[in-house]
């Protein structure tokens, strides 16, 4: 599976852990990170003054892709407002 594509629940469930953590982007700056332990975390990557930052949105499947996308929308509004 390419690393930069829209993810589906079916694809995420099929992802297997590897020796190193691997990131799967869901378009934009929302991505899923699969840890070597098998944990799947949803993250938002963003920049402030040229410095990369990230926010943990939760553990998949406790937080769904839809919920993570909604959180990203709200966080982006907050970031743009300052």
PDB file of N, CA and C in Angstrom:
ATOM      1  N   UNK A   1       0.854  -1.177   0.000  1.00  0.00           N
ATOM      2  CA  UNK A   1       0.000   0.000   0.000  1.00  0.00           C
ATOM      3  C   UNK A   1       0.894   1.232   0.000  1.00  0.00           C
ATOM      4  N   UNK A   2       0.625   2.196  -0.901  1.00  0.00           N
ATOM      5  CA  UNK A   2       1.400   3.438  -0.890  1.00  0.00           C
ATOM      6  C   UNK A   2       1.236   4.153   0.446  1.00  0.00           C
ATOM      7  N   UNK A   3       2.253   4.893   0.842  1.00  0.00           N
ATOM      8  CA  UNK A   3       2.216   5.581   2.124  1.00  0.00           C
ATOM      9  C   UNK A   3       1.351   6.833   2.086  1.00  0.00           C
ATOM     10  N   UNK A   4       1.099   7.403   0.902  1.00  0.00           N
ATOM     11  CA  UNK A   4       0.302   8.623   0.787  1.00  0.00           C
ATOM     12  C   UNK A   4      -0.978   8.329   0.007  1.00  0.00           C
ATOM     13  N   UNK A   5      -2.032   7.982   0.708  1.00  0.00           N
ATOM     14  CA  UNK A   5      -3.318   7.711   0.067  1.00  0.00           C
ATOM     15  C   UNK A   5      -4.403   7.782   1.124  1.00  0.00           C
ATOM     16  N   UNK A   6      -5.634   7.827   0.691  1.00  0.00           N
ATOM     17  CA  UNK A   6      -6.725   7.796   1.656  1.00  0.00           C
ATOM     18  C   UNK A   6      -6.842   6.384   2.209  1.00  0.00           C
ATOM     19  N   UNK A   7      -6.902   6.300   3.511  1.00  0.00           N
ATOM     20  CA  UNK A   7      -6.998   5.006   4.178  1.00  0.00           C
ATOM     21  C   UNK A   7      -8.455   4.615   4.381  1.00  0.00           C
ATOM     22  N   UNK A   8      -8.700   3.326   4.437  1.00  0.00           N
ATOM     23  CA  UNK A   8     -10.015   2.815   4.778  1.00  0.00           C
ATOM     24  C   UNK A   8      -9.858   1.949   6.029  1.00  0.00           C
ATOM     25  N   UNK A   9     -10.964   1.711   6.716  1.00  0.00           N
ATOM     26  CA  UNK A   9     -10.919   0.846   7.895  1.00  0.00           C
ATOM     27  C   UNK A   9     -10.399  -0.544   7.539  1.00  0.00           C
ATOM     28  N   UNK A  10     -10.811  -1.053   6.399  1.00  0.00           N
ATOM     29  CA  UNK A  10     -10.374  -2.382   5.966  1.00  0.00           C
ATOM     30  C   UNK A  10      -8.857  -2.414   5.780  1.00  0.00           C
ATOM     31  N   UNK A  11      -8.295  -1.377   5.161  1.00  0.00           N
ATOM     32  CA  UNK A  11      -6.850  -1.320   4.945  1.00  0.00           C
ATOM     33  C   UNK A  11      -6.103  -1.223   6.279  1.00  0.00           C
ATOM     34  N   UNK A  12      -6.620  -0.402   7.188  1.00  0.00           N
ATOM     35  CA  UNK A  12      -5.958  -0.222   8.478  1.00  0.00           C
ATOM     36  C   UNK A  12      -5.943  -1.534   9.257  1.00  0.00           C
ATOM     37  N   UNK A  13      -7.060  -2.238   9.256  1.00  0.00           N
ATOM     38  CA  UNK A  13      -7.132  -3.504   9.988  1.00  0.00           C
ATOM     39  C   UNK A  13      -6.155  -4.526   9.430  1.00  0.00           C
ATOM     40  N   UNK A  14      -5.837  -4.428   8.142  1.00  0.00           N
ATOM     41  CA  UNK A  14      -4.935  -5.381   7.499  1.00  0.00           C
ATOM     42  C   UNK A  14      -3.462  -5.033   7.709  1.00  0.00           C
ATOM     43  N   UNK A  15      -3.155  -3.841   8.182  1.00  0.00           N
ATOM     44  CA  UNK A  15      -1.761  -3.437   8.375  1.00  0.00           C
ATOM     45  C   UNK A  15      -1.113  -4.253   9.481  1.00  0.00           C
ATOM     46  N   UNK A  16       0.083  -4.718   9.213  1.00  0.00           N
ATOM     47  CA  UNK A  16       0.832  -5.525  10.173  1.00  0.00           C
ATOM     48  C   UNK A  16       2.048  -4.738  10.657  1.00  0.00           C
ATOM     49  N   UNK A  17       2.428  -4.906  11.926  1.00  0.00           N
ATOM     50  CA  UNK A  17       3.606  -4.203  12.443  1.00  0.00           C
ATOM     51  C   UNK A  17       4.882  -4.678  11.756  1.00  0.00           C
ATOM     52  N   UNK A  18       5.845  -3.773  11.712  1.00  0.00           N
ATOM     53  CA  UNK A  18       7.161  -4.087  11.162  1.00  0.00           C
ATOM     54  C   UNK A  18       8.205  -3.791  12.233  1.00  0.00           C
ATOM     55  N   UNK A  19       9.463  -3.996  11.924  1.00  0.00           N
ATOM     56  CA  UNK A  19      10.540  -3.802  12.890  1.00  0.00           C
ATOM     57  C   UNK A  19      10.625  -2.347  13.358  1.00  0.00           C
ATOM     58  N   UNK A  20      10.287  -1.409  12.463  1.00  0.00           N
ATOM     59  CA  UNK A  20      10.294   0.015  12.807  1.00  0.00           C
ATOM     60  C   UNK A  20       8.891   0.570  12.590  1.00  0.00           C
ATOM     61  N   UNK A  21       8.560   1.628  13.346  1.00  0.00           N
ATOM     62  CA  UNK A  21       7.265   2.285  13.166  1.00  0.00           C
ATOM     63  C   UNK A  21       7.137   2.773  11.726  1.00  0.00           C
ATOM     64  N   UNK A  22       5.936   2.693  11.195  1.00  0.00           N
ATOM     65  CA  UNK A  22       5.691   3.098   9.815  1.00  0.00           C
ATOM     66  C   UNK A  22       4.484   4.024   9.775  1.00  0.00           C
ATOM     67  N   UNK A  23       4.581   5.090   8.974  1.00  0.00           N
ATOM     68  CA  UNK A  23       3.521   6.082   8.855  1.00  0.00           C
ATOM     69  C   UNK A  23       2.755   5.879   7.552  1.00  0.00           C
ATOM     70  N   UNK A  24       1.422   5.991   7.656  1.00  0.00           N
ATOM     71  CA  UNK A  24       0.536   5.893   6.495  1.00  0.00           C
ATOM     72  C   UNK A  24      -0.327   7.149   6.482  1.00  0.00           C
ATOM     73  N   UNK A  25      -0.091   8.029   5.505  1.00  0.00           N
ATOM     74  CA  UNK A  25      -0.811   9.294   5.440  1.00  0.00           C
ATOM     75  C   UNK A  25      -2.182   9.106   4.813  1.00  0.00           C
ATOM     76  N   UNK A  26      -3.146   9.833   5.347  1.00  0.00           N
ATOM     77  CA  UNK A  26      -4.526   9.771   4.871  1.00  0.00           C
ATOM     78  C   UNK A  26      -4.846  11.037   4.073  1.00  0.00           C
ATOM     79  N   UNK A  27      -3.922  11.494   3.286  1.00  0.00           N
ATOM     80  CA  UNK A  27      -4.094  12.752   2.578  1.00  0.00           C
ATOM     81  C   UNK A  27      -3.928  13.897   3.562  1.00  0.00           C
ATOM     82  N   UNK A  28      -3.397  15.006   3.117  1.00  0.00           N
ATOM     83  CA  UNK A  28      -3.156  16.104   4.040  1.00  0.00           C
ATOM     84  C   UNK A  28      -2.141  15.710   5.086  1.00  0.00           C
ATOM     85  N   UNK A  29      -2.357  16.141   6.310  1.00  0.00           N
ATOM     86  CA  UNK A  29      -1.390  15.911   7.376  1.00  0.00           C
ATOM     87  C   UNK A  29      -1.887  14.955   8.446  1.00  0.00           C
ATOM     88  N   UNK A  30      -2.988  14.257   8.191  1.00  0.00           N
ATOM     89  CA  UNK A  30      -3.492  13.227   9.098  1.00  0.00           C
ATOM     90  C   UNK A  30      -2.817  11.915   8.712  1.00  0.00           C
ATOM     91  N   UNK A  31      -2.231  11.252   9.706  1.00  0.00           N
ATOM     92  CA  UNK A  31      -1.622   9.965   9.381  1.00  0.00           C
ATOM     93  C   UNK A  31      -1.787   8.965  10.515  1.00  0.00           C
ATOM     94  N   UNK A  32      -1.632   7.711  10.138  1.00  0.00           N
ATOM     95  CA  UNK A  32      -1.684   6.592  11.063  1.00  0.00           C
ATOM     96  C   UNK A  32      -0.265   6.054  11.207  1.00  0.00           C
ATOM     97  N   UNK A  33       0.161   5.840  12.438  1.00  0.00           N
ATOM     98  CA  UNK A  33       1.481   5.270  12.683  1.00  0.00           C
ATOM     99  C   UNK A  33       1.294   3.892  13.305  1.00  0.00           C
ATOM    100  N   UNK A  34       1.877   2.883  12.662  1.00  0.00           N
ATOM    101  CA  UNK A  34       1.807   1.520  13.169  1.00  0.00           C
ATOM    102  C   UNK A  34       3.130   1.232  13.882  1.00  0.00           C
ATOM    103  N   UNK A  35       3.049   1.011  15.186  1.00  0.00           N
ATOM    104  CA  UNK A  35       4.232   0.751  16.009  1.00  0.00           C
ATOM    105  C   UNK A  35       4.663  -0.709  15.869  1.00  0.00           C
ATOM    106  N   UNK A  36       5.924  -0.999  16.160  1.00  0.00           N
ATOM    107  CA  UNK A  36       6.389  -2.398  16.119  1.00  0.00           C
ATOM    108  C   UNK A  36       5.586  -3.319  17.038  1.00  0.00           C
ATOM    109  N   UNK A  37       5.011  -2.753  18.091  1.00  0.00           N
ATOM    110  CA  UNK A  37       4.189  -3.553  19.010  1.00  0.00           C
ATOM    111  C   UNK A  37       2.812  -3.872  18.435  1.00  0.00           C
ATOM    112  N   UNK A  38       2.456  -3.206  17.329  1.00  0.00           N
ATOM    113  CA  UNK A  38       1.149  -3.424  16.704  1.00  0.00           C
ATOM    114  C   UNK A  38       0.156  -2.314  16.989  1.00  0.00           C
ATOM    115  N   UNK A  39       0.488  -1.395  17.898  1.00  0.00           N
ATOM    116  CA  UNK A  39      -0.401  -0.270  18.193  1.00  0.00           C
ATOM    117  C   UNK A  39      -0.552   0.647  16.986  1.00  0.00           C
ATOM    118  N   UNK A  40      -1.738   1.202  16.839  1.00  0.00           N
ATOM    119  CA  UNK A  40      -2.035   2.080  15.706  1.00  0.00           C
ATOM    120  C   UNK A  40      -2.515   3.418  16.237  1.00  0.00           C
ATOM    121  N   UNK A  41      -1.690   4.446  16.038  1.00  0.00           N
ATOM    122  CA  UNK A  41      -1.988   5.782  16.545  1.00  0.00           C
ATOM    123  C   UNK A  41      -2.289   6.733  15.400  1.00  0.00           C
ATOM    124  N   UNK A  42      -3.273   7.595  15.617  1.00  0.00           N
ATOM    125  CA  UNK A  42      -3.627   8.626  14.641  1.00  0.00           C
ATOM    126  C   UNK A  42      -2.975   9.944  15.057  1.00  0.00           C
ATOM    127  N   UNK A  43      -2.351  10.632  14.104  1.00  0.00           N
ATOM    128  CA  UNK A  43      -1.630  11.863  14.378  1.00  0.00           C
ATOM    129  C   UNK A  43      -2.006  12.958  13.378  1.00  0.00           C
ATOM    130  N   UNK A  44      -1.882  14.191  13.826  1.00  0.00           N
ATOM    131  CA  UNK A  44      -1.955  15.366  12.944  1.00  0.00           C
ATOM    132  C   UNK A  44      -0.569  15.983  12.944  1.00  0.00           C
ATOM    133  N   UNK A  45      -0.010  16.193  11.754  1.00  0.00           N
ATOM    134  CA  UNK A  45       1.270  16.858  11.614  1.00  0.00           C
ATOM    135  C   UNK A  45       1.008  18.272  11.120  1.00  0.00           C
ATOM    136  N   UNK A  46       1.661  19.259  11.756  1.00  0.00           N
ATOM    137  CA  UNK A  46       1.500  20.652  11.342  1.00  0.00           C
ATOM    138  C   UNK A  46       2.793  21.402  11.635  1.00  0.00           C
ATOM    139  N   UNK A  47       2.885  22.635  11.164  1.00  0.00           N
ATOM    140  CA  UNK A  47       4.088  23.434  11.340  1.00  0.00           C
ATOM    141  C   UNK A  47       3.752  24.766  11.995  1.00  0.00           C
ATOM    142  N   UNK A  48       4.636  25.205  12.892  1.00  0.00           N
ATOM    143  CA  UNK A  48       4.543  26.524  13.511  1.00  0.00           C
ATOM    144  C   UNK A  48       5.897  27.190  13.329  1.00  0.00           C
ATOM    145  N   UNK A  49       5.894  28.309  12.615  1.00  0.00           N
ATOM    146  CA  UNK A  49       7.152  29.031  12.350  1.00  0.00           C
ATOM    147  C   UNK A  49       8.221  28.119  11.763  1.00  0.00           C
ATOM    148  N   UNK A  50       7.826  27.253  10.852  1.00  0.00           N
ATOM    149  CA  UNK A  50       8.761  26.375  10.171  1.00  0.00           C
ATOM    150  C   UNK A  50       9.201  25.154  10.970  1.00  0.00           C
ATOM    151  N   UNK A  51       8.656  24.979  12.170  1.00  0.00           N
ATOM    152  CA  UNK A  51       9.016  23.834  13.011  1.00  0.00           C
ATOM    153  C   UNK A  51       7.878  22.812  12.975  1.00  0.00           C
ATOM    154  N   UNK A  52       8.223  21.566  12.647  1.00  0.00           N
ATOM    155  CA  UNK A  52       7.200  20.515  12.592  1.00  0.00           C
ATOM    156  C   UNK A  52       6.742  20.154  14.002  1.00  0.00           C
ATOM    157  N   UNK A  53       5.428  20.080  14.156  1.00  0.00           N
ATOM    158  CA  UNK A  53       4.805  19.657  15.410  1.00  0.00           C
ATOM    159  C   UNK A  53       3.817  18.550  15.068  1.00  0.00           C
ATOM    160  N   UNK A  54       3.383  17.818  16.083  1.00  0.00           N
ATOM    161  CA  UNK A  54       2.334  16.828  15.849  1.00  0.00           C
ATOM    162  C   UNK A  54       1.487  16.676  17.093  1.00  0.00           C
ATOM    163  N   UNK A  55       0.243  16.295  16.855  1.00  0.00           N
ATOM    164  CA  UNK A  55      -0.729  16.104  17.928  1.00  0.00           C
ATOM    165  C   UNK A  55      -1.271  14.690  17.816  1.00  0.00           C
ATOM    166  N   UNK A  56      -1.252  13.961  18.927  1.00  0.00           N
ATOM    167  CA  UNK A  56      -1.807  12.616  18.966  1.00  0.00           C
ATOM    168  C   UNK A  56      -3.328  12.737  19.052  1.00  0.00           C
ATOM    169  N   UNK A  57      -4.016  12.133  18.093  1.00  0.00           N
ATOM    170  CA  UNK A  57      -5.472  12.194  18.038  1.00  0.00           C
ATOM    171  C   UNK A  57      -6.131  10.986  18.698  1.00  0.00           C
ATOM    172  N   UNK A  58      -5.351   9.970  19.010  1.00  0.00           N
ATOM    173  CA  UNK A  58      -5.896   8.804  19.689  1.00  0.00           C
ATOM    174  C   UNK A  58      -5.454   7.497  19.076  1.00  0.00           C
ATOM    175  N   UNK A  59      -5.897   6.444  19.725  1.00  0.00           N
ATOM    176  CA  UNK A  59      -5.564   5.082  19.307  1.00  0.00           C
ATOM    177  C   UNK A  59      -6.678   4.548  18.418  1.00  0.00           C
ATOM    178  N   UNK A  60      -6.287   4.014  17.258  1.00  0.00           N
ATOM    179  CA  UNK A  60      -7.244   3.375  16.375  1.00  0.00           C
ATOM    180  C   UNK A  60      -7.451   1.947  16.873  1.00  0.00           C
ATOM    181  N   UNK A  61      -8.643   1.425  16.969  1.00  0.00           N
ATOM    182  CA  UNK A  61      -9.930   1.896  16.489  1.00  0.00           C
ATOM    183  C   UNK A  61     -10.764   2.652  17.527  1.00  0.00           C
ATOM    184  N   UNK A  62     -10.193   2.913  18.721  1.00  0.00           N
ATOM    185  CA  UNK A  62     -10.953   3.683  19.721  1.00  0.00           C
ATOM    186  C   UNK A  62     -11.371   5.036  19.153  1.00  0.00           C
ATOM    187  N   UNK A  63     -10.494   5.620  18.337  1.00  0.00           N
ATOM    188  CA  UNK A  63     -10.810   6.845  17.606  1.00  0.00           C
ATOM    189  C   UNK A  63     -10.901   6.448  16.140  1.00  0.00           C
ATOM    190  N   UNK A  64     -12.040   6.668  15.533  1.00  0.00           N
ATOM    191  CA  UNK A  64     -12.237   6.288  14.133  1.00  0.00           C
ATOM    192  C   UNK A  64     -11.582   7.305  13.204  1.00  0.00           C
ATOM    193  N   UNK A  65     -11.438   6.929  11.939  1.00  0.00           N
ATOM    194  CA  UNK A  65     -10.915   7.865  10.949  1.00  0.00           C
ATOM    195  C   UNK A  65     -11.807   9.101  10.844  1.00  0.00           C
ATOM    196  N   UNK A  66     -13.109   8.879  10.904  1.00  0.00           N
ATOM    197  CA  UNK A  66     -14.052   9.995  10.817  1.00  0.00           C
ATOM    198  C   UNK A  66     -13.873  10.939  12.004  1.00  0.00           C
ATOM    199  N   UNK A  67     -13.778  10.385  13.213  1.00  0.00           N
ATOM    200  CA  UNK A  67     -13.574  11.216  14.404  1.00  0.00           C
ATOM    201  C   UNK A  67     -12.241  11.967  14.322  1.00  0.00           C
ATOM    202  N   UNK A  68     -11.202  11.288  13.857  1.00  0.00           N
ATOM    203  CA  UNK A  68      -9.896  11.936  13.718  1.00  0.00           C
ATOM    204  C   UNK A  68      -9.971  13.069  12.703  1.00  0.00           C
ATOM    205  N   UNK A  69     -10.667  12.857  11.606  1.00  0.00           N
ATOM    206  CA  UNK A  69     -10.824  13.914  10.594  1.00  0.00           C
ATOM    207  C   UNK A  69     -11.570  15.109  11.167  1.00  0.00           C
ATOM    208  N   UNK A  70     -12.591  14.843  11.975  1.00  0.00           N
ATOM    209  CA  UNK A  70     -13.328  15.935  12.615  1.00  0.00           C
ATOM    210  C   UNK A  70     -12.432  16.697  13.586  1.00  0.00           C
ATOM    211  N   UNK A  71     -11.602  15.975  14.342  1.00  0.00           N
ATOM    212  CA  UNK A  71     -10.668  16.622  15.261  1.00  0.00           C
ATOM    213  C   UNK A  71      -9.671  17.483  14.496  1.00  0.00           C
ATOM    214  N   UNK A  72      -9.191  16.976  13.363  1.00  0.00           N
ATOM    215  CA  UNK A  72      -8.250  17.738  12.538  1.00  0.00           C
ATOM    216  C   UNK A  72      -8.896  19.048  12.090  1.00  0.00           C
ATOM    217  N   UNK A  73     -10.137  18.979  11.646  1.00  0.00           N
ATOM    218  CA  UNK A  73     -10.848  20.182  11.211  1.00  0.00           C
ATOM    219  C   UNK A  73     -10.912  21.208  12.347  1.00  0.00           C
ATOM    220  N   UNK A  74     -11.288  20.767  13.535  1.00  0.00           N
ATOM    221  CA  UNK A  74     -11.394  21.676  14.685  1.00  0.00           C
ATOM    222  C   UNK A  74     -10.027  22.223  15.095  1.00  0.00           C
ATOM    223  N   UNK A  75      -9.016  21.363  15.095  1.00  0.00           N
ATOM    224  CA  UNK A  75      -7.668  21.808  15.465  1.00  0.00           C
ATOM    225  C   UNK A  75      -7.116  22.803  14.458  1.00  0.00           C
ATOM    226  N   UNK A  76      -7.371  22.573  13.177  1.00  0.00           N
ATOM    227  CA  UNK A  76      -6.908  23.516  12.149  1.00  0.00           C
ATOM    228  C   UNK A  76      -7.559  24.890  12.343  1.00  0.00           C
ATOM    229  N   UNK A  77      -8.852  24.901  12.673  1.00  0.00           N
ATOM    230  CA  UNK A  77      -9.521  26.174  12.945  1.00  0.00           C
ATOM    231  C   UNK A  77      -8.828  26.885  14.104  1.00  0.00           C
ATOM    232  N   UNK A  78      -8.537  26.146  15.159  1.00  0.00           N
ATOM    233  CA  UNK A  78      -7.876  26.723  16.341  1.00  0.00           C
ATOM    234  C   UNK A  78      -6.484  27.229  15.980  1.00  0.00           C
ATOM    235  N   UNK A  79      -5.735  26.450  15.219  1.00  0.00           N
ATOM    236  CA  UNK A  79      -4.376  26.852  14.840  1.00  0.00           C
ATOM    237  C   UNK A  79      -4.394  28.113  13.986  1.00  0.00           C
ATOM    238  N   UNK A  80      -5.356  28.211  13.082  1.00  0.00           N
ATOM    239  CA  UNK A  80      -5.433  29.386  12.200  1.00  0.00           C
ATOM    240  C   UNK A  80      -5.874  30.627  12.948  1.00  0.00           C
ATOM    241  N   UNK A  81      -6.624  30.421  14.021  1.00  0.00           N
ATOM    242  CA  UNK A  81      -7.078  31.565  14.831  1.00  0.00           C
ATOM    243  C   UNK A  81      -5.966  32.058  15.759  1.00  0.00           C
ATOM    244  N   UNK A  82      -4.914  31.279  15.881  1.00  0.00           N
ATOM    245  CA  UNK A  82      -3.778  31.715  16.701  1.00  0.00           C
ATOM    246  C   UNK A  82      -3.740  30.976  17.979  1.00  0.00           C
TER     247      UNK A  82
END
